[in-house]
N, C-alpha and C. Protein backbone atom coordinates (compact mmCIF):
# COMPACT_ATOMS: atom_id res chain seq x y z
N MET A 1 19.50 25.45 6.13
CA MET A 1 18.58 24.42 6.57
C MET A 1 19.34 23.41 7.41
N ALA A 2 18.82 23.05 8.56
CA ALA A 2 19.44 22.05 9.42
C ALA A 2 18.81 20.69 9.16
N VAL A 3 19.61 19.74 8.77
CA VAL A 3 19.14 18.38 8.54
C VAL A 3 19.83 17.48 9.56
N PRO A 4 19.09 16.59 10.22
CA PRO A 4 19.73 15.73 11.22
C PRO A 4 20.92 14.99 10.62
N SER A 5 22.05 15.12 11.29
CA SER A 5 23.24 14.44 10.82
C SER A 5 23.61 13.30 11.74
N ALA A 6 22.96 13.21 12.89
CA ALA A 6 23.19 12.13 13.84
C ALA A 6 24.68 11.98 14.14
N ARG A 7 25.31 13.08 14.54
CA ARG A 7 26.72 13.04 14.88
C ARG A 7 26.90 12.48 16.29
N PRO A 8 27.73 11.43 16.45
CA PRO A 8 27.96 10.89 17.80
C PRO A 8 28.71 11.90 18.67
N VAL A 9 28.33 11.96 19.93
CA VAL A 9 29.03 12.78 20.92
C VAL A 9 29.24 11.95 22.17
N ARG A 10 30.24 12.27 22.93
CA ARG A 10 30.57 11.58 24.18
C ARG A 10 30.42 10.06 24.07
N PRO A 11 31.27 9.38 23.30
CA PRO A 11 31.14 7.94 23.13
C PRO A 11 31.23 7.19 24.46
N ALA A 12 30.43 6.15 24.59
CA ALA A 12 30.42 5.31 25.79
C ALA A 12 30.19 3.87 25.36
N GLU A 13 30.48 2.95 26.27
CA GLU A 13 30.38 1.53 25.92
C GLU A 13 28.94 1.03 25.85
N ARG A 14 28.04 1.50 26.73
CA ARG A 14 26.69 0.96 26.80
C ARG A 14 25.61 1.92 26.32
N ASP A 15 25.99 3.08 25.80
CA ASP A 15 24.98 3.98 25.28
C ASP A 15 25.52 4.73 24.07
N ILE A 16 24.59 5.28 23.29
CA ILE A 16 24.92 6.03 22.09
C ILE A 16 24.28 7.40 22.23
N ARG A 17 25.06 8.46 22.07
CA ARG A 17 24.56 9.83 22.18
C ARG A 17 24.76 10.51 20.84
N LEU A 18 23.67 11.03 20.29
CA LEU A 18 23.72 11.68 18.99
C LEU A 18 23.21 13.11 19.09
N THR A 19 23.87 14.01 18.39
CA THR A 19 23.41 15.39 18.30
C THR A 19 22.66 15.53 16.99
N LEU A 20 21.45 16.09 17.07
CA LEU A 20 20.61 16.29 15.90
C LEU A 20 20.50 17.77 15.60
N ALA A 21 19.57 18.12 14.72
CA ALA A 21 19.36 19.51 14.32
C ALA A 21 18.91 20.38 15.49
N ARG A 22 19.19 21.64 15.40
CA ARG A 22 18.73 22.66 16.35
C ARG A 22 19.07 22.32 17.82
N GLY A 23 20.18 21.61 18.04
CA GLY A 23 20.62 21.32 19.40
C GLY A 23 19.92 20.15 20.07
N HIS A 24 19.03 19.45 19.36
CA HIS A 24 18.39 18.28 19.95
C HIS A 24 19.43 17.19 20.16
N GLN A 25 19.24 16.41 21.20
CA GLN A 25 20.14 15.29 21.45
C GLN A 25 19.32 14.05 21.68
N PHE A 26 19.79 12.93 21.18
CA PHE A 26 19.11 11.65 21.34
C PHE A 26 20.09 10.70 22.01
N VAL A 27 19.65 10.09 23.11
CA VAL A 27 20.48 9.14 23.84
C VAL A 27 19.75 7.80 23.87
N THR A 28 20.45 6.75 23.51
CA THR A 28 19.88 5.41 23.55
C THR A 28 20.86 4.48 24.25
N HIS A 29 20.34 3.50 24.95
CA HIS A 29 21.17 2.56 25.67
C HIS A 29 21.10 1.20 25.01
N VAL A 30 22.24 0.54 24.91
CA VAL A 30 22.29 -0.80 24.34
C VAL A 30 21.61 -1.75 25.33
N ALA A 31 20.61 -2.49 24.83
CA ALA A 31 19.84 -3.40 25.68
C ALA A 31 19.53 -4.67 24.90
N PRO A 32 20.53 -5.56 24.73
CA PRO A 32 20.33 -6.75 23.90
C PRO A 32 19.23 -7.68 24.42
N GLU A 33 18.92 -7.58 25.70
CA GLU A 33 17.87 -8.44 26.26
C GLU A 33 16.47 -8.00 25.82
N ARG A 34 16.37 -6.83 25.20
CA ARG A 34 15.09 -6.30 24.74
C ARG A 34 14.85 -6.68 23.28
N ALA A 35 14.83 -7.97 23.01
CA ALA A 35 14.75 -8.43 21.63
C ALA A 35 13.32 -8.52 21.09
N GLN A 36 12.34 -8.60 21.97
CA GLN A 36 10.94 -8.75 21.50
C GLN A 36 10.48 -7.48 20.80
N ARG A 37 9.89 -7.65 19.64
CA ARG A 37 9.37 -6.52 18.88
C ARG A 37 7.85 -6.54 18.95
N ILE A 38 7.28 -5.40 19.30
CA ILE A 38 5.83 -5.25 19.38
C ILE A 38 5.44 -4.18 18.37
N HIS A 39 4.30 -4.39 17.69
CA HIS A 39 3.83 -3.44 16.68
C HIS A 39 2.35 -3.16 16.89
N ASN A 40 1.93 -1.97 16.51
CA ASN A 40 0.52 -1.59 16.47
C ASN A 40 0.17 -1.24 15.03
N PRO A 41 -0.99 -1.70 14.55
CA PRO A 41 -1.38 -1.34 13.18
C PRO A 41 -1.82 0.12 13.10
N VAL A 42 -1.23 0.87 12.16
CA VAL A 42 -1.60 2.27 11.91
C VAL A 42 -1.56 2.48 10.41
N ASP A 43 -2.67 2.87 9.83
CA ASP A 43 -2.73 3.23 8.41
C ASP A 43 -2.15 2.12 7.52
N GLY A 44 -2.44 0.87 7.88
CA GLY A 44 -2.00 -0.26 7.06
C GLY A 44 -0.55 -0.67 7.26
N HIS A 45 0.13 -0.12 8.25
CA HIS A 45 1.52 -0.47 8.54
C HIS A 45 1.64 -0.94 9.99
N ASP A 46 2.64 -1.75 10.26
CA ASP A 46 2.93 -2.20 11.63
C ASP A 46 3.94 -1.25 12.26
N VAL A 47 3.44 -0.34 13.09
CA VAL A 47 4.28 0.68 13.73
C VAL A 47 4.95 0.08 14.96
N PRO A 48 6.29 0.16 15.05
CA PRO A 48 6.99 -0.41 16.20
C PRO A 48 6.69 0.34 17.48
N VAL A 49 6.53 -0.45 18.56
CA VAL A 49 6.24 0.09 19.89
C VAL A 49 7.27 -0.49 20.85
N PRO A 50 7.90 0.35 21.67
CA PRO A 50 7.84 1.81 21.68
C PRO A 50 8.72 2.37 20.57
N HIS A 51 8.60 3.68 20.36
CA HIS A 51 9.49 4.37 19.43
C HIS A 51 9.65 5.82 19.86
N PHE A 52 10.73 6.41 19.38
CA PHE A 52 11.04 7.82 19.61
C PHE A 52 10.71 8.56 18.34
N GLY A 53 10.03 9.70 18.45
CA GLY A 53 9.66 10.46 17.26
C GLY A 53 10.21 11.87 17.27
N LEU A 54 10.54 12.36 16.07
CA LEU A 54 11.04 13.72 15.90
C LEU A 54 10.35 14.34 14.69
N ILE A 55 9.86 15.55 14.85
CA ILE A 55 9.16 16.25 13.76
C ILE A 55 10.13 17.19 13.06
N LEU A 56 10.16 17.08 11.74
CA LEU A 56 10.99 17.93 10.88
C LEU A 56 10.07 18.78 10.00
N THR A 57 10.65 19.73 9.28
CA THR A 57 9.89 20.39 8.23
C THR A 57 9.79 19.40 7.07
N VAL A 58 8.88 19.64 6.13
CA VAL A 58 8.75 18.74 4.98
C VAL A 58 10.06 18.71 4.18
N GLU A 59 10.68 19.88 3.98
CA GLU A 59 11.94 19.94 3.25
C GLU A 59 13.03 19.14 3.96
N GLU A 60 13.15 19.31 5.28
CA GLU A 60 14.14 18.55 6.06
C GLU A 60 13.86 17.05 5.96
N PHE A 61 12.58 16.68 6.07
CA PHE A 61 12.19 15.27 5.99
C PHE A 61 12.64 14.68 4.65
N GLN A 62 12.31 15.36 3.55
CA GLN A 62 12.64 14.84 2.22
C GLN A 62 14.16 14.69 2.05
N THR A 63 14.91 15.69 2.49
CA THR A 63 16.36 15.65 2.38
C THR A 63 16.94 14.51 3.22
N PHE A 64 16.45 14.37 4.45
CA PHE A 64 16.93 13.32 5.35
C PHE A 64 16.57 11.94 4.79
N ALA A 65 15.35 11.78 4.29
CA ALA A 65 14.92 10.50 3.72
C ALA A 65 15.83 10.10 2.55
N GLU A 66 16.17 11.06 1.71
CA GLU A 66 17.05 10.77 0.57
C GLU A 66 18.45 10.38 1.04
N ARG A 67 18.95 11.07 2.07
CA ARG A 67 20.26 10.72 2.63
C ARG A 67 20.25 9.32 3.20
N LEU A 68 19.18 8.95 3.91
CA LEU A 68 19.08 7.61 4.48
C LEU A 68 19.01 6.54 3.39
N LYS A 69 18.22 6.80 2.36
CA LYS A 69 18.13 5.84 1.24
C LYS A 69 19.49 5.67 0.57
N ALA A 70 20.17 6.79 0.32
CA ALA A 70 21.48 6.74 -0.33
C ALA A 70 22.51 5.99 0.51
N ALA A 71 22.34 6.03 1.83
CA ALA A 71 23.25 5.34 2.74
C ALA A 71 22.88 3.87 2.91
N GLY A 72 21.78 3.44 2.27
CA GLY A 72 21.38 2.04 2.36
C GLY A 72 20.65 1.67 3.64
N THR A 73 20.03 2.64 4.28
CA THR A 73 19.29 2.39 5.52
C THR A 73 18.18 1.37 5.29
N GLU A 74 18.06 0.43 6.21
CA GLU A 74 16.97 -0.54 6.16
C GLU A 74 15.80 0.04 6.97
N PHE A 75 14.72 0.35 6.28
CA PHE A 75 13.56 0.96 6.94
C PHE A 75 12.63 -0.10 7.51
N VAL A 76 12.06 0.20 8.67
CA VAL A 76 10.95 -0.60 9.20
C VAL A 76 9.71 -0.22 8.41
N ILE A 77 9.52 1.09 8.19
CA ILE A 77 8.46 1.62 7.33
C ILE A 77 9.11 2.67 6.43
N GLU A 78 9.08 2.42 5.13
CA GLU A 78 9.66 3.34 4.14
C GLU A 78 8.98 4.71 4.22
N PRO A 79 9.67 5.78 3.85
CA PRO A 79 9.05 7.12 3.84
C PRO A 79 7.80 7.13 2.95
N TYR A 80 6.72 7.67 3.50
CA TYR A 80 5.46 7.78 2.74
C TYR A 80 4.55 8.80 3.43
N VAL A 81 3.45 9.18 2.77
CA VAL A 81 2.47 10.08 3.35
C VAL A 81 1.39 9.24 4.04
N ARG A 82 1.28 9.43 5.35
CA ARG A 82 0.28 8.73 6.16
C ARG A 82 -0.97 9.60 6.26
N PHE A 83 -2.12 8.95 6.29
CA PHE A 83 -3.42 9.64 6.43
C PHE A 83 -3.63 10.67 5.32
N GLN A 84 -3.21 10.33 4.12
CA GLN A 84 -3.29 11.27 3.00
C GLN A 84 -4.72 11.77 2.79
N GLY A 85 -4.87 13.10 2.74
CA GLY A 85 -6.17 13.73 2.55
C GLY A 85 -7.07 13.71 3.78
N GLN A 86 -6.52 13.29 4.93
CA GLN A 86 -7.29 13.20 6.17
C GLN A 86 -6.70 14.12 7.24
N THR A 87 -7.41 14.25 8.34
CA THR A 87 -6.89 14.97 9.49
C THR A 87 -5.59 14.30 9.93
N GLY A 88 -4.57 15.07 10.19
CA GLY A 88 -3.30 14.53 10.66
C GLY A 88 -2.37 14.05 9.56
N GLU A 89 -2.66 14.43 8.30
CA GLU A 89 -1.79 14.01 7.19
C GLU A 89 -0.34 14.37 7.49
N GLN A 90 0.55 13.41 7.22
CA GLN A 90 1.96 13.60 7.56
C GLN A 90 2.86 12.68 6.74
N TRP A 91 4.07 13.15 6.49
CA TRP A 91 5.12 12.29 5.97
C TRP A 91 5.69 11.54 7.17
N THR A 92 6.01 10.26 7.02
CA THR A 92 6.58 9.50 8.12
C THR A 92 7.51 8.43 7.61
N MET A 93 8.45 8.02 8.45
CA MET A 93 9.35 6.89 8.17
C MET A 93 9.86 6.36 9.50
N PHE A 94 10.13 5.07 9.53
CA PHE A 94 10.66 4.41 10.72
C PHE A 94 11.88 3.59 10.35
N PHE A 95 12.87 3.60 11.21
CA PHE A 95 14.02 2.71 11.08
C PHE A 95 14.58 2.49 12.48
N LEU A 96 15.51 1.53 12.61
CA LEU A 96 16.09 1.20 13.91
C LEU A 96 17.45 1.85 14.05
N ASP A 97 17.77 2.32 15.25
CA ASP A 97 19.10 2.84 15.51
C ASP A 97 20.05 1.66 15.73
N PRO A 98 21.36 1.91 15.88
CA PRO A 98 22.30 0.78 16.03
C PRO A 98 22.03 -0.12 17.23
N ALA A 99 21.30 0.38 18.23
CA ALA A 99 20.97 -0.43 19.40
C ALA A 99 19.64 -1.16 19.24
N GLY A 100 18.98 -0.97 18.09
CA GLY A 100 17.71 -1.65 17.84
C GLY A 100 16.48 -0.90 18.28
N ASN A 101 16.64 0.36 18.70
CA ASN A 101 15.50 1.18 19.09
C ASN A 101 14.81 1.75 17.86
N ALA A 102 13.49 1.76 17.86
CA ALA A 102 12.72 2.27 16.73
C ALA A 102 12.68 3.80 16.77
N LEU A 103 12.97 4.42 15.62
CA LEU A 103 12.94 5.87 15.47
C LEU A 103 11.93 6.24 14.40
N GLU A 104 11.12 7.26 14.69
CA GLU A 104 10.19 7.78 13.69
C GLU A 104 10.56 9.23 13.42
N PHE A 105 10.64 9.56 12.14
CA PHE A 105 10.80 10.95 11.73
C PHE A 105 9.58 11.28 10.89
N LYS A 106 8.99 12.44 11.15
CA LYS A 106 7.77 12.83 10.44
C LYS A 106 7.78 14.30 10.12
N ALA A 107 6.87 14.70 9.24
CA ALA A 107 6.74 16.10 8.85
C ALA A 107 5.30 16.38 8.48
N PHE A 108 4.83 17.56 8.81
CA PHE A 108 3.48 17.99 8.51
C PHE A 108 3.54 19.21 7.60
N ALA A 109 2.77 19.21 6.52
CA ALA A 109 2.67 20.40 5.68
C ALA A 109 1.96 21.51 6.46
N ASP A 110 1.06 21.10 7.38
CA ASP A 110 0.29 22.03 8.20
C ASP A 110 0.58 21.68 9.67
N ASP A 111 1.42 22.49 10.33
CA ASP A 111 1.82 22.20 11.71
C ASP A 111 0.65 22.16 12.69
N SER A 112 -0.49 22.74 12.34
CA SER A 112 -1.64 22.68 13.24
C SER A 112 -2.20 21.26 13.34
N GLN A 113 -1.73 20.37 12.46
CA GLN A 113 -2.21 18.98 12.45
C GLN A 113 -1.39 18.05 13.35
N VAL A 114 -0.34 18.56 13.99
CA VAL A 114 0.56 17.72 14.80
C VAL A 114 -0.23 16.93 15.83
N PHE A 115 -1.13 17.54 16.55
CA PHE A 115 -1.90 16.83 17.58
C PHE A 115 -3.37 16.70 17.21
N ALA A 116 -3.67 16.78 15.93
CA ALA A 116 -5.07 16.66 15.47
C ALA A 116 -5.56 15.24 15.70
N ALA A 117 -6.83 15.16 16.03
CA ALA A 117 -7.45 13.84 16.27
C ALA A 117 -8.44 13.50 15.18
């Protein structure tokens, strides 16, 4: 099972490059002038805008969430099931990367619900 390990690659002064599971790569740029935080209400939570999202399997999500909790990660939105019992039901969590960018990791028990409306 591949679980995102967020291993840094090609270090640079103004950006952070991370290698994730299955060859995915995430690149973020340090932008201290982007301090304003904007949120949209979704399912009773304030979802940060903009944000980057990555879909995992439920097992990968649970393992990653436990690793983040054990590491003392400060969540914007703690791991939970969003839209429980509704169309688009999903596990989700949000936290900020070291540059302050919002990241969402989610998982669907039923992958056909990824783009369900």
